[in-house]
Every structure is written in structure tokens, then in C-alpha cells.
Amino acid sequence: MAVTTRNFRLTYWILSSLSLVMLLGTIVLATRIGTDKRLPFFLADTRLYTEYFFFGKPVGIQLAAALEMCVLALGVSAVLMVVLFTFQKTVSAEVYLIALWVFLVDVETLRLLMLVIAQRSTSIGSLVSLTRVVYGGRFTGLILLFISGLYAVGIGHERPQTGALLALLFGTMLAMLMPISIDRFQSSFMLQAGYRNITMIVTTSLIVINCVDYFVAARLKEDMSYAYAGIGLTAAASAWVWLWDARSLVGGMGVALFFVLCVLVATERLHKIYIWK
């Protein structure tokens, strides 16, 4: 138990540290995007530029996305820090997998880097690679969330590290198999990928199954904390998927904060379970 707790704690330290690095990088990219006066013309040439209004003032799509990603990255860092300092003495496979998923949400911030690259470079190879990285992070995160539900029910008997490696393997494989259109730059600042409808069906199914797993765990273990955790994770995952596309400034930042709140609620409920074990 002591060795497992130490391994979990080390993982949380690494994830928290890396998320702070990602936050710093996101702030730098957001500053670069917010001060670049040529970006609106580039987006207009690609027929992607639009403006949102914030307190009566127009905000371009690039600045709205930059601020949204900053809020999301800040929220991810906050969640991982909370996990680090509240689960140091408990061992929860579910929280371990959830923490890995939350960390992978940070991959969305690479969309800002893709915008800068698309404006500056004529090479499409880096955009294709980064698009696959983002999709790989999404697929891996969904599988991690799904596996956490299996552990909650009691199906998972292997170490959670094994489940994480399997999620990474399958997520990477799916991302590599995705067809990428090299001539369709989207408002999400990514190249368009194929199988969109199938992807959304599978995504929705995994999120729903995960919620069902936590409700089953609540019934089997006679502890409603699992049900509340499942509701929180389902809401958080839905908010995360909603942020995959370009959103208005207020809507994007609001949903990013909602995502953070739901994850904190879910981890707090799981904390109440495992602190007594």
C-alpha cells in the first residue's frame, strides 16, 4: 500500500508540474495571438473570422479562443493541484485515471499553436501531426474515463497503470487511423478529420456507459457518493466535448469553468469514499 501511494503521489506531482508548464505556454501563445494584428486578416482569408461581443465590445474569434484556453489550462492546473494535496494518503484507481484524463484535456491548448503555425508556415505536415496529437489526447482521455468506471464497479483488477497504458495505446492507434483533410482548416484551428459522426457516437456512448457504471457502483456498494461522482464526471465530459469546437467568449469561458467545477465535485465525492479505506 505504501509503495502504491508513493507511486500515485509521484504521478500527481508530475502531472501538476507539467500542467503548470502547459499553462505558462498557453499564456504566452494567448498573448502572441491577442497582439497579432495580422491574424484577423488571415482568418478572414480562410473564411473563419467572426466576432463576439463582450459588454458591447467586439472580440475576434482568435482572442475568444485564446482566453478560453487560458481559463481551461488554469482550471486543469487547479484540479490537478487539488488532487495532489487531497489524495496523498489515499489510493484510488478511479481518481488516478481521472487525473490522467484531466491532464490530457490540456492537449486542447495545442490548437492555439496550430493557429500560429497555420499563419506562419506553408508546411502542412506539422498541422497534420498536431491534429493527430489532439485527437489522440481526446481518444485516450475518453478511454481513461471509461476504464475509471470499470474500476468503480469492481471489474478492474489490474493496476491502474496498466489501464492507462492500454488507453494510451488504443487512443494513439485510433488517432493514427483518422483520415485528415489537409485543405480544410476549421474554426477550432485544427484540420478537419474524417468519421466525425462515428466519433461523436462513440464519444457519447463512452460517456453514457461511464455514468451507468458509477450508478451501478453506487447500488452495489450502497454508497451514493459514486452516483454523485458519476453525474459530475458526465457533466464534465460533456462540457469538455462541447469545447472541442469554436465557441463564443462568454460561452467558452463559462463552460470551461463548469468543467472544472464538475471535476472537483466528482473528486470530492470519491475522496469521501476512499479517505476511510
Protein backbone atom coordinates (compact mmCIF):
# COMPACT_ATOMS: atom_id res chain seq x y z
CA MET A 1 0.00 0.00 0.00
CA ALA A 2 2.81 2.43 0.91
CA VAL A 3 4.57 1.79 -2.42
CA THR A 4 1.34 2.31 -4.38
CA THR A 5 0.57 5.52 -2.52
CA ARG A 6 4.08 6.80 -3.22
CA ASN A 7 3.72 5.96 -6.93
CA PHE A 8 0.38 7.75 -7.13
CA ARG A 9 1.78 10.78 -5.35
CA LEU A 10 4.74 10.95 -7.75
CA THR A 11 2.36 10.76 -10.71
CA TYR A 12 0.25 13.60 -9.31
CA TRP A 13 3.37 15.72 -8.78
CA ILE A 14 4.47 15.12 -12.37
CA LEU A 15 1.02 15.87 -13.80
CA SER A 16 0.68 19.05 -11.72
CA SER A 17 4.13 20.28 -12.76
CA LEU A 18 3.53 19.58 -16.44
CA SER A 19 0.13 21.27 -16.30
CA LEU A 20 1.77 24.43 -14.93
CA VAL A 21 4.22 24.35 -17.83
CA MET A 22 1.29 23.97 -20.24
CA LEU A 23 -0.46 26.88 -18.54
CA LEU A 24 2.59 29.09 -18.99
CA GLY A 25 2.86 28.09 -22.64
CA THR A 26 -0.83 28.79 -23.17
CA ILE A 27 -0.49 32.28 -21.67
CA VAL A 28 2.47 33.00 -23.95
CA LEU A 29 0.55 31.82 -27.02
CA ALA A 30 -2.56 33.74 -25.97
CA THR A 31 -0.50 36.93 -25.61
CA ARG A 32 1.05 36.35 -29.02
CA ILE A 33 -2.36 35.76 -30.62
CA GLY A 34 -4.01 38.68 -28.85
CA THR A 35 -1.38 41.17 -30.01
CA ASP A 36 -1.01 39.94 -33.60
CA LYS A 37 -2.94 42.36 -35.79
CA ARG A 38 -2.48 40.18 -38.88
CA LEU A 39 -4.37 37.18 -37.54
CA PRO A 40 -7.86 38.60 -38.26
CA PHE A 41 -6.86 39.06 -41.91
CA PHE A 42 -5.52 35.50 -42.10
CA LEU A 43 -8.73 34.13 -40.61
CA ALA A 44 -10.80 36.29 -42.92
CA ASP A 45 -8.93 34.86 -45.92
CA THR A 46 -9.84 31.36 -44.72
CA ARG A 47 -13.45 32.48 -44.13
CA LEU A 48 -13.24 31.67 -40.44
CA TYR A 49 -13.14 35.10 -38.86
CA THR A 50 -16.08 36.13 -36.73
CA GLU A 51 -16.61 38.46 -33.80
CA TYR A 52 -18.36 38.07 -30.49
CA PHE A 53 -19.48 40.88 -28.25
CA PHE A 54 -18.38 41.20 -24.65
CA PHE A 55 -20.01 44.10 -22.77
CA GLY A 56 -20.71 45.70 -26.12
CA LYS A 57 -17.14 45.42 -27.39
CA PRO A 58 -16.24 43.17 -30.34
CA VAL A 59 -13.87 40.27 -29.63
CA GLY A 60 -12.38 38.29 -32.51
CA ILE A 61 -12.64 34.52 -32.66
CA GLN A 62 -8.88 34.16 -32.14
CA LEU A 63 -8.89 36.18 -28.91
CA ALA A 64 -12.00 34.40 -27.65
CA ALA A 65 -10.32 31.03 -28.21
CA ALA A 66 -7.11 32.22 -26.54
CA LEU A 67 -8.92 33.38 -23.41
CA GLU A 68 -10.99 30.20 -23.33
CA MET A 69 -7.85 28.05 -23.50
CA CYS A 70 -6.22 30.10 -20.73
CA VAL A 71 -9.20 29.52 -18.44
CA LEU A 72 -9.23 25.82 -19.32
CA ALA A 73 -5.49 25.42 -18.70
CA LEU A 74 -5.77 27.29 -15.41
CA GLY A 75 -8.66 25.07 -14.38
CA VAL A 76 -6.77 21.88 -15.26
CA SER A 77 -3.80 23.03 -13.16
CA ALA A 78 -6.12 23.85 -10.26
CA VAL A 79 -7.83 20.45 -10.40
CA LEU A 80 -4.54 18.56 -10.50
CA MET A 81 -3.19 20.57 -7.58
CA VAL A 82 -6.32 19.77 -5.58
CA VAL A 83 -5.93 16.07 -6.41
CA LEU A 84 -2.27 16.21 -5.40
CA PHE A 85 -2.88 17.71 -1.98
CA THR A 86 -6.10 15.87 -1.08
CA PHE A 87 -5.24 12.33 -2.15
CA GLN A 88 -1.72 11.98 -0.84
CA LYS A 89 -2.78 9.46 1.79
CA THR A 90 -5.40 7.54 -0.16
CA VAL A 91 -5.16 5.14 -3.08
CA SER A 92 -7.95 5.44 -5.61
CA ALA A 93 -7.64 3.87 -9.06
CA GLU A 94 -10.61 5.91 -10.22
CA VAL A 95 -9.05 9.23 -9.22
CA TYR A 96 -5.72 8.17 -10.72
CA LEU A 97 -7.36 7.59 -14.11
CA ILE A 98 -9.49 10.73 -13.81
CA ALA A 99 -6.37 12.80 -13.08
CA LEU A 100 -4.72 11.45 -16.22
CA TRP A 101 -7.83 12.34 -18.22
CA VAL A 102 -7.91 15.87 -16.82
CA PHE A 103 -4.25 16.31 -17.70
CA LEU A 104 -4.96 15.24 -21.29
CA VAL A 105 -7.62 17.96 -21.52
CA ASP A 106 -4.65 20.33 -21.64
CA VAL A 107 -3.91 18.96 -25.11
CA GLU A 108 -6.71 21.22 -26.38
CA THR A 109 -4.39 24.21 -25.84
CA LEU A 110 -2.27 22.96 -28.76
CA ARG A 111 -4.98 24.38 -31.01
CA LEU A 112 -3.54 27.85 -30.32
CA LEU A 113 -0.13 26.65 -31.50
CA MET A 114 -1.77 25.27 -34.63
CA LEU A 115 -3.27 28.67 -35.37
CA VAL A 116 0.15 30.34 -35.13
CA ILE A 117 1.73 27.65 -37.30
CA ALA A 118 -1.04 27.86 -39.90
CA GLN A 119 -0.47 31.60 -40.22
CA ARG A 120 3.33 31.46 -40.29
CA SER A 121 4.09 28.28 -42.22
CA THR A 122 3.16 26.82 -45.57
CA SER A 123 4.12 23.31 -44.40
CA ILE A 124 1.08 21.18 -43.70
CA GLY A 125 2.96 18.30 -42.06
CA SER A 126 3.18 19.91 -38.61
CA LEU A 127 -0.54 20.71 -38.65
CA VAL A 128 -1.40 17.12 -39.53
CA SER A 129 0.82 15.84 -36.72
CA LEU A 130 -0.64 18.22 -34.13
CA THR A 131 -4.17 17.37 -35.24
CA ARG A 132 -3.41 13.71 -34.59
CA VAL A 133 -1.91 14.59 -31.20
CA VAL A 134 -5.08 16.43 -30.18
CA TYR A 135 -7.30 13.58 -31.35
CA GLY A 136 -5.01 11.09 -29.63
CA GLY A 137 -5.41 13.03 -26.38
CA ARG A 138 -9.18 13.05 -26.79
CA PHE A 139 -9.47 9.34 -27.52
CA THR A 140 -7.08 8.40 -24.73
CA GLY A 141 -8.96 10.63 -22.28
CA LEU A 142 -12.29 9.05 -23.18
CA ILE A 143 -10.89 5.55 -22.71
CA LEU A 144 -9.35 6.53 -19.36
CA LEU A 145 -12.71 7.83 -18.22
CA PHE A 146 -14.39 4.62 -19.38
CA ILE A 147 -11.83 2.46 -17.51
CA SER A 148 -12.33 4.50 -14.34
CA GLY A 149 -15.98 3.45 -14.40
CA LEU A 150 -14.96 -0.20 -14.68
CA TYR A 151 -12.75 0.18 -11.60
CA ALA A 152 -15.63 1.84 -9.73
CA VAL A 153 -17.85 -1.16 -10.43
CA GLY A 154 -15.07 -3.52 -9.38
CA ILE A 155 -14.34 -5.08 -12.77
CA GLY A 156 -10.78 -3.78 -12.97
CA HIS A 157 -8.35 -5.96 -11.06
CA GLU A 158 -5.11 -4.92 -12.74
CA ARG A 159 -3.04 -1.98 -11.61
CA PRO A 160 -4.48 1.31 -12.96
CA GLN A 161 -1.14 1.96 -14.66
CA THR A 162 -1.91 -1.00 -16.92
CA GLY A 163 -5.28 0.50 -17.82
CA ALA A 164 -3.62 3.84 -18.53
CA LEU A 165 -1.11 2.22 -20.89
CA LEU A 166 -3.91 0.40 -22.72
CA ALA A 167 -5.82 3.67 -23.05
CA LEU A 168 -2.75 5.38 -24.47
CA LEU A 169 -2.17 2.53 -26.90
CA PHE A 170 -5.72 2.45 -28.25
CA GLY A 171 -6.04 6.25 -28.25
CA THR A 172 -2.84 6.62 -30.27
CA MET A 173 -3.87 3.88 -32.66
CA LEU A 174 -7.26 5.48 -33.32
CA ALA A 175 -5.67 8.89 -33.88
CA MET A 176 -3.22 7.45 -36.39
CA LEU A 177 -6.06 5.79 -38.30
CA MET A 178 -8.09 9.00 -38.56
CA PRO A 179 -8.14 10.45 -42.09
CA ILE A 180 -7.07 14.11 -42.02
CA SER A 181 -8.07 16.61 -44.72
CA ILE A 182 -5.05 18.81 -45.46
CA ASP A 183 -7.05 21.57 -47.17
CA ARG A 184 -9.78 22.16 -44.59
CA PHE A 185 -8.73 24.40 -41.71
CA GLN A 186 -11.57 24.65 -39.20
CA SER A 187 -12.73 27.31 -36.76
CA SER A 188 -11.38 25.08 -33.98
CA PHE A 189 -7.93 25.81 -35.53
CA MET A 190 -7.47 22.15 -36.47
CA LEU A 191 -7.51 20.33 -39.77
CA GLN A 192 -10.76 18.51 -40.43
CA ALA A 193 -10.75 14.81 -39.56
CA GLY A 194 -12.97 12.16 -41.06
CA TYR A 195 -15.53 9.89 -39.38
CA ARG A 196 -16.95 12.85 -37.44
CA ASN A 197 -20.39 11.31 -36.91
CA ILE A 198 -18.95 7.95 -35.86
CA THR A 199 -16.54 9.72 -33.50
CA MET A 200 -19.36 11.60 -31.80
CA ILE A 201 -21.48 8.45 -31.47
CA VAL A 202 -18.60 6.54 -29.84
CA THR A 203 -17.77 9.53 -27.64
CA THR A 204 -21.34 9.85 -26.41
CA SER A 205 -21.58 6.10 -25.81
CA LEU A 206 -18.43 6.00 -23.69
CA ILE A 207 -19.58 8.95 -21.58
CA VAL A 208 -23.02 7.41 -21.01
CA ILE A 209 -21.57 3.97 -20.17
CA ASN A 210 -19.20 5.59 -17.67
CA CYS A 211 -22.14 7.29 -15.96
CA VAL A 212 -24.05 3.99 -15.83
CA ASP A 213 -21.01 2.28 -14.31
CA TYR A 214 -20.87 4.77 -11.45
CA PHE A 215 -24.59 4.36 -10.78
CA VAL A 216 -24.13 0.58 -10.73
CA ALA A 217 -21.22 1.05 -8.32
CA ALA A 218 -23.44 3.16 -6.08
CA ARG A 219 -26.01 0.37 -5.97
CA LEU A 220 -23.52 -2.46 -5.49
CA LYS A 221 -21.52 -0.70 -2.79
CA GLU A 222 -24.52 1.08 -1.26
CA ASP A 223 -22.81 4.45 -1.39
CA MET A 224 -24.48 7.33 -3.26
CA SER A 225 -21.15 9.14 -3.50
CA TYR A 226 -20.44 7.02 -6.58
CA ALA A 227 -23.64 8.25 -8.21
CA TYR A 228 -22.79 11.89 -7.49
CA ALA A 229 -19.29 11.32 -8.84
CA GLY A 230 -20.75 9.77 -11.98
CA ILE A 231 -23.06 12.75 -12.53
CA GLY A 232 -20.15 15.16 -12.06
CA LEU A 233 -17.91 13.26 -14.47
CA THR A 234 -20.65 13.00 -17.07
CA ALA A 235 -21.31 16.74 -16.91
CA ALA A 236 -17.58 17.49 -17.04
CA ALA A 237 -17.02 15.19 -20.02
CA SER A 238 -19.98 16.74 -21.85
CA ALA A 239 -18.57 20.22 -21.25
CA TRP A 240 -15.17 19.08 -22.50
CA VAL A 241 -16.65 17.68 -25.72
CA TRP A 242 -18.65 20.90 -26.22
CA LEU A 243 -15.38 22.85 -26.09
CA TRP A 244 -13.93 20.86 -28.99
CA ASP A 245 -15.44 23.40 -31.40
CA ALA A 246 -15.11 27.17 -31.50
CA ARG A 247 -17.39 28.93 -29.01
CA SER A 248 -18.26 32.48 -28.05
CA LEU A 249 -16.13 34.21 -25.44
CA VAL A 250 -18.67 34.07 -22.61
CA GLY A 251 -19.93 30.60 -23.54
CA GLY A 252 -16.45 29.10 -23.87
CA MET A 253 -15.09 30.54 -20.63
CA GLY A 254 -18.29 29.68 -18.77
CA VAL A 255 -18.27 26.06 -19.91
CA ALA A 256 -14.55 25.76 -19.11
CA LEU A 257 -15.28 26.87 -15.54
CA PHE A 258 -18.25 24.48 -15.41
CA PHE A 259 -15.92 21.64 -16.45
CA VAL A 260 -13.55 22.45 -13.59
CA LEU A 261 -16.38 22.66 -11.07
CA CYS A 262 -17.84 19.30 -12.10
CA VAL A 263 -14.47 17.52 -11.88
CA LEU A 264 -13.86 19.00 -8.43
CA VAL A 265 -17.28 17.79 -7.27
CA ALA A 266 -16.59 14.29 -8.60
CA THR A 267 -13.16 14.04 -6.97
CA GLU A 268 -14.53 15.42 -3.71
CA ARG A 269 -17.18 12.68 -3.62
CA LEU A 270 -14.60 9.99 -4.35
CA HIS A 271 -12.42 11.47 -1.63
CA LYS A 272 -15.20 10.90 0.88
CA ILE A 273 -15.24 7.24 -0.12
CA TYR A 274 -11.55 6.46 -0.05
CA ILE A 275 -10.44 8.54 2.91
CA TRP A 276 -12.00 5.88 5.19
CA LYS A 277 -10.47 2.87 3.44
